Amino acid sequence: MSNTHEQEIKNRAVALNGQTAAVNLVGGQTLTGTLAYATVTASWGGIEYPEILTVTVSTKAHTVRLDHVSSIGQG
């Protein structure tokens, strides 16, 4: 995954945090549910982006590595 594509995925995840989202995985699967992803303030004062996100589908939380995500859209 290119750095630009990876950052686009992270930015989209931040924008949709707490909302219903469709997370499309590299293998063709799609998880649709409530997205949980938030940036963290680093000890040096900058912003860090986690390398995983969580999608809750029917009360089951799925943790997904960002390099397994091809795109994220509103669900």
Protein backbone atom coordinates (compact mmCIF):
# COMPACT_ATOMS: atom_id res chain seq x y z
CA MET A 1 0.00 0.00 0.00
CA SER A 2 1.44 3.39 -0.95
CA ASN A 3 1.89 5.99 1.74
CA THR A 4 -0.63 8.26 -0.01
CA HIS A 5 -3.29 5.53 -0.16
CA GLU A 6 -2.59 4.54 3.44
CA GLN A 7 -3.00 8.15 4.61
CA GLU A 8 -6.25 8.48 2.62
CA ILE A 9 -7.60 5.38 4.40
CA LYS A 10 -6.57 6.84 7.78
CA ASN A 11 -8.16 10.22 7.01
CA ARG A 12 -11.39 8.55 5.89
CA ALA A 13 -11.42 6.42 9.05
CA VAL A 14 -11.01 9.53 11.22
CA ALA A 15 -13.84 11.28 9.35
CA LEU A 16 -16.21 8.31 9.81
CA ASN A 17 -15.26 7.46 13.41
CA GLY A 18 -18.41 6.56 15.36
CA GLN A 19 -20.57 6.30 12.24
CA THR A 20 -21.88 3.39 10.20
CA ALA A 21 -19.28 2.57 7.56
CA ALA A 22 -18.56 -0.05 4.92
CA VAL A 23 -14.97 -1.22 5.24
CA ASN A 24 -13.83 -3.01 2.07
CA LEU A 25 -11.03 -5.48 2.62
CA VAL A 26 -8.27 -6.38 0.16
CA GLY A 27 -9.62 -9.94 -0.22
CA GLY A 28 -13.03 -8.70 -1.40
CA GLN A 29 -14.91 -8.98 1.90
CA THR A 30 -16.87 -6.02 3.27
CA LEU A 31 -17.61 -5.30 6.91
CA THR A 32 -20.49 -2.88 7.51
CA GLY A 33 -21.00 -1.56 11.00
CA THR A 34 -19.95 1.10 13.46
CA LEU A 35 -16.39 2.25 12.82
CA ALA A 36 -14.03 3.05 15.69
CA TYR A 37 -10.81 4.86 14.80
CA ALA A 38 -9.24 7.89 16.42
CA THR A 39 -5.89 9.62 16.33
CA VAL A 40 -3.70 9.78 19.42
CA THR A 41 -1.65 12.74 20.63
CA ALA A 42 1.96 11.65 20.77
CA SER A 43 4.22 12.41 23.73
CA TRP A 44 6.18 14.79 21.48
CA GLY A 45 2.98 16.76 20.70
CA GLY A 46 2.27 15.48 17.20
CA ILE A 47 -0.56 13.27 15.99
CA GLU A 48 -0.17 9.52 15.58
CA TYR A 49 -2.50 7.39 13.49
CA PRO A 50 -3.12 3.83 14.77
CA GLU A 51 -2.45 0.96 12.34
CA ILE A 52 -5.74 -0.81 13.17
CA LEU A 53 -9.41 0.08 13.21
CA THR A 54 -12.44 -1.63 14.71
CA VAL A 55 -15.77 -2.30 13.01
CA THR A 56 -18.61 -3.48 15.24
CA VAL A 57 -21.11 -5.61 13.34
CA SER A 58 -24.15 -6.83 15.30
CA THR A 59 -22.37 -6.48 18.67
CA LYS A 60 -19.24 -8.35 17.44
CA ALA A 61 -16.12 -6.19 17.21
CA HIS A 62 -13.75 -6.93 14.30
CA THR A 63 -10.22 -5.52 14.52
CA VAL A 64 -8.70 -4.88 11.10
CA ARG A 65 -5.17 -3.88 10.15
CA LEU A 66 -5.14 -0.86 7.86
CA ASP A 67 -2.97 -2.62 5.28
CA HIS A 68 -5.89 -5.06 4.79
CA VAL A 69 -8.33 -2.22 3.94
CA SER A 70 -8.84 -1.25 0.29
CA SER A 71 -11.41 1.49 0.92
CA ILE A 72 -13.88 2.88 3.44
CA GLY A 73 -17.26 4.38 2.64
CA GLN A 74 -20.38 5.44 4.48
CA GLY A 75 -22.55 2.45 5.30
